[in-house]
């Protein structure tokens, strides 16, 4: 890994820890658990589905790709004792992934 990549990974980790809403537990459908995942919760994220004229409001959780490199529908994110089921991916910039949850 290059020095730049290491510096960016370190900066992303610091930003995620300081700007996150808290720490969540990511539970894969196969039972694997990843604890201490920084997250951002957005209860009114607006998306446009193909063919729709108006935006739809969905619930979204943003997590770092470095800690949760893959996801699948049916995985769960546990935040403060509440379990959210992963429905789909909304955005992914390579550093952070925003998932629609329900």
Protein backbone atom coordinates (compact mmCIF):
# COMPACT_ATOMS: atom_id res chain seq x y z
CA UNK A 1 0.00 0.00 0.00
CA UNK A 2 1.39 3.40 -0.98
CA UNK A 3 2.04 6.18 1.53
CA UNK A 4 -0.86 8.15 0.07
CA UNK A 5 -3.24 5.19 0.38
CA UNK A 6 -2.13 4.64 3.99
CA UNK A 7 -2.64 8.34 4.79
CA UNK A 8 -6.11 8.32 3.20
CA UNK A 9 -7.08 5.18 5.11
CA UNK A 10 -5.91 6.78 8.35
CA UNK A 11 -7.78 10.04 7.57
CA UNK A 12 -10.97 8.12 6.72
CA UNK A 13 -10.73 6.16 9.97
CA UNK A 14 -10.28 9.34 12.04
CA UNK A 15 -13.14 11.10 10.24
CA UNK A 16 -15.43 8.09 10.61
CA UNK A 17 -14.69 7.85 14.33
CA UNK A 18 -15.19 11.58 15.01
CA UNK A 19 -18.12 12.36 12.71
CA UNK A 20 -20.09 9.13 13.14
CA UNK A 21 -23.41 8.94 14.96
CA UNK A 22 -21.97 6.07 16.99
CA UNK A 23 -20.83 2.47 16.66
CA UNK A 24 -22.97 -0.32 15.24
CA UNK A 25 -22.73 -4.08 14.90
CA UNK A 26 -22.91 -5.42 11.34
CA UNK A 27 -24.33 -8.94 11.19
CA UNK A 28 -24.07 -10.86 7.92
CA UNK A 29 -26.82 -13.23 6.82
CA UNK A 30 -24.39 -16.15 7.37
CA UNK A 31 -23.99 -15.19 11.06
CA UNK A 32 -20.59 -13.45 10.86
CA UNK A 33 -20.54 -10.35 13.08
CA UNK A 34 -18.44 -7.18 12.75
CA UNK A 35 -18.58 -5.07 15.93
CA UNK A 36 -17.61 -1.42 16.37
CA UNK A 37 -18.55 -0.17 12.89
CA UNK A 38 -18.92 3.64 12.78
CA UNK A 39 -22.19 4.63 11.14
CA UNK A 40 -24.26 7.58 10.04
CA UNK A 41 -28.05 7.16 10.20
CA UNK A 42 -30.31 9.18 7.88
CA UNK A 43 -34.03 8.60 8.44
CA UNK A 44 -35.14 10.68 5.43
CA UNK A 45 -32.73 10.03 2.54
CA UNK A 46 -34.39 10.91 -0.78
CA UNK A 47 -33.90 8.66 -3.80
CA UNK A 48 -35.23 8.69 -7.34
CA UNK A 49 -36.05 5.25 -8.70
CA UNK A 50 -35.95 4.85 -12.47
CA UNK A 51 -39.19 6.04 -14.00
CA UNK A 52 -40.40 7.87 -10.89
CA UNK A 53 -41.31 11.55 -11.14
CA UNK A 54 -41.03 12.26 -7.41
CA UNK A 55 -38.37 11.29 -4.87
CA UNK A 56 -39.03 8.54 -2.36
CA UNK A 57 -37.86 8.93 1.23
CA UNK A 58 -35.98 5.92 2.63
CA UNK A 59 -33.94 5.14 5.73
CA UNK A 60 -30.20 4.89 5.10
CA UNK A 61 -27.11 3.88 7.05
CA UNK A 62 -23.63 4.92 5.91
CA UNK A 63 -20.73 2.64 6.86
CA UNK A 64 -17.01 2.53 5.95
CA UNK A 65 -16.14 0.13 3.13
CA UNK A 66 -12.80 -0.66 4.81
CA UNK A 67 -14.59 -2.29 7.76
CA UNK A 68 -17.47 -3.85 5.81
CA UNK A 69 -16.09 -4.52 2.31
CA UNK A 70 -19.09 -6.52 1.09
CA UNK A 71 -22.79 -6.57 1.84
CA UNK A 72 -25.85 -8.46 0.72
CA UNK A 73 -29.58 -8.05 1.03
CA UNK A 74 -30.72 -9.55 4.33
CA UNK A 75 -27.65 -8.53 6.35
CA UNK A 76 -28.47 -6.66 9.56
CA UNK A 77 -27.13 -3.55 11.24
CA UNK A 78 -27.75 -3.29 14.98
CA UNK A 79 -27.83 0.29 16.27
CA UNK A 80 -28.62 1.00 19.93
CA UNK A 81 -30.51 -2.30 20.27
CA UNK A 82 -32.60 -1.75 17.11
CA UNK A 83 -32.01 -4.10 14.19
CA UNK A 84 -32.17 -2.71 10.64
CA UNK A 85 -32.30 -5.09 7.66
CA UNK A 86 -30.17 -4.18 4.62
CA UNK A 87 -32.39 -3.80 1.54
CA UNK A 88 -30.13 -2.30 -1.14
CA UNK A 89 -27.14 -0.09 -1.84
CA UNK A 90 -27.82 3.60 -2.42
CA UNK A 91 -24.29 5.00 -2.91
CA UNK A 92 -20.68 3.81 -2.76
CA UNK A 93 -17.73 6.17 -3.28
CA UNK A 94 -15.12 3.52 -2.46
CA UNK A 95 -14.59 4.82 1.08
CA UNK A 96 -18.15 4.88 2.42
CA UNK A 97 -21.22 2.89 1.38
CA UNK A 98 -24.77 4.06 2.00
CA UNK A 99 -27.28 1.23 2.41
CA UNK A 100 -31.06 1.40 2.37
CA UNK A 101 -32.40 -0.25 5.52
CA UNK A 102 -35.83 -1.14 6.74
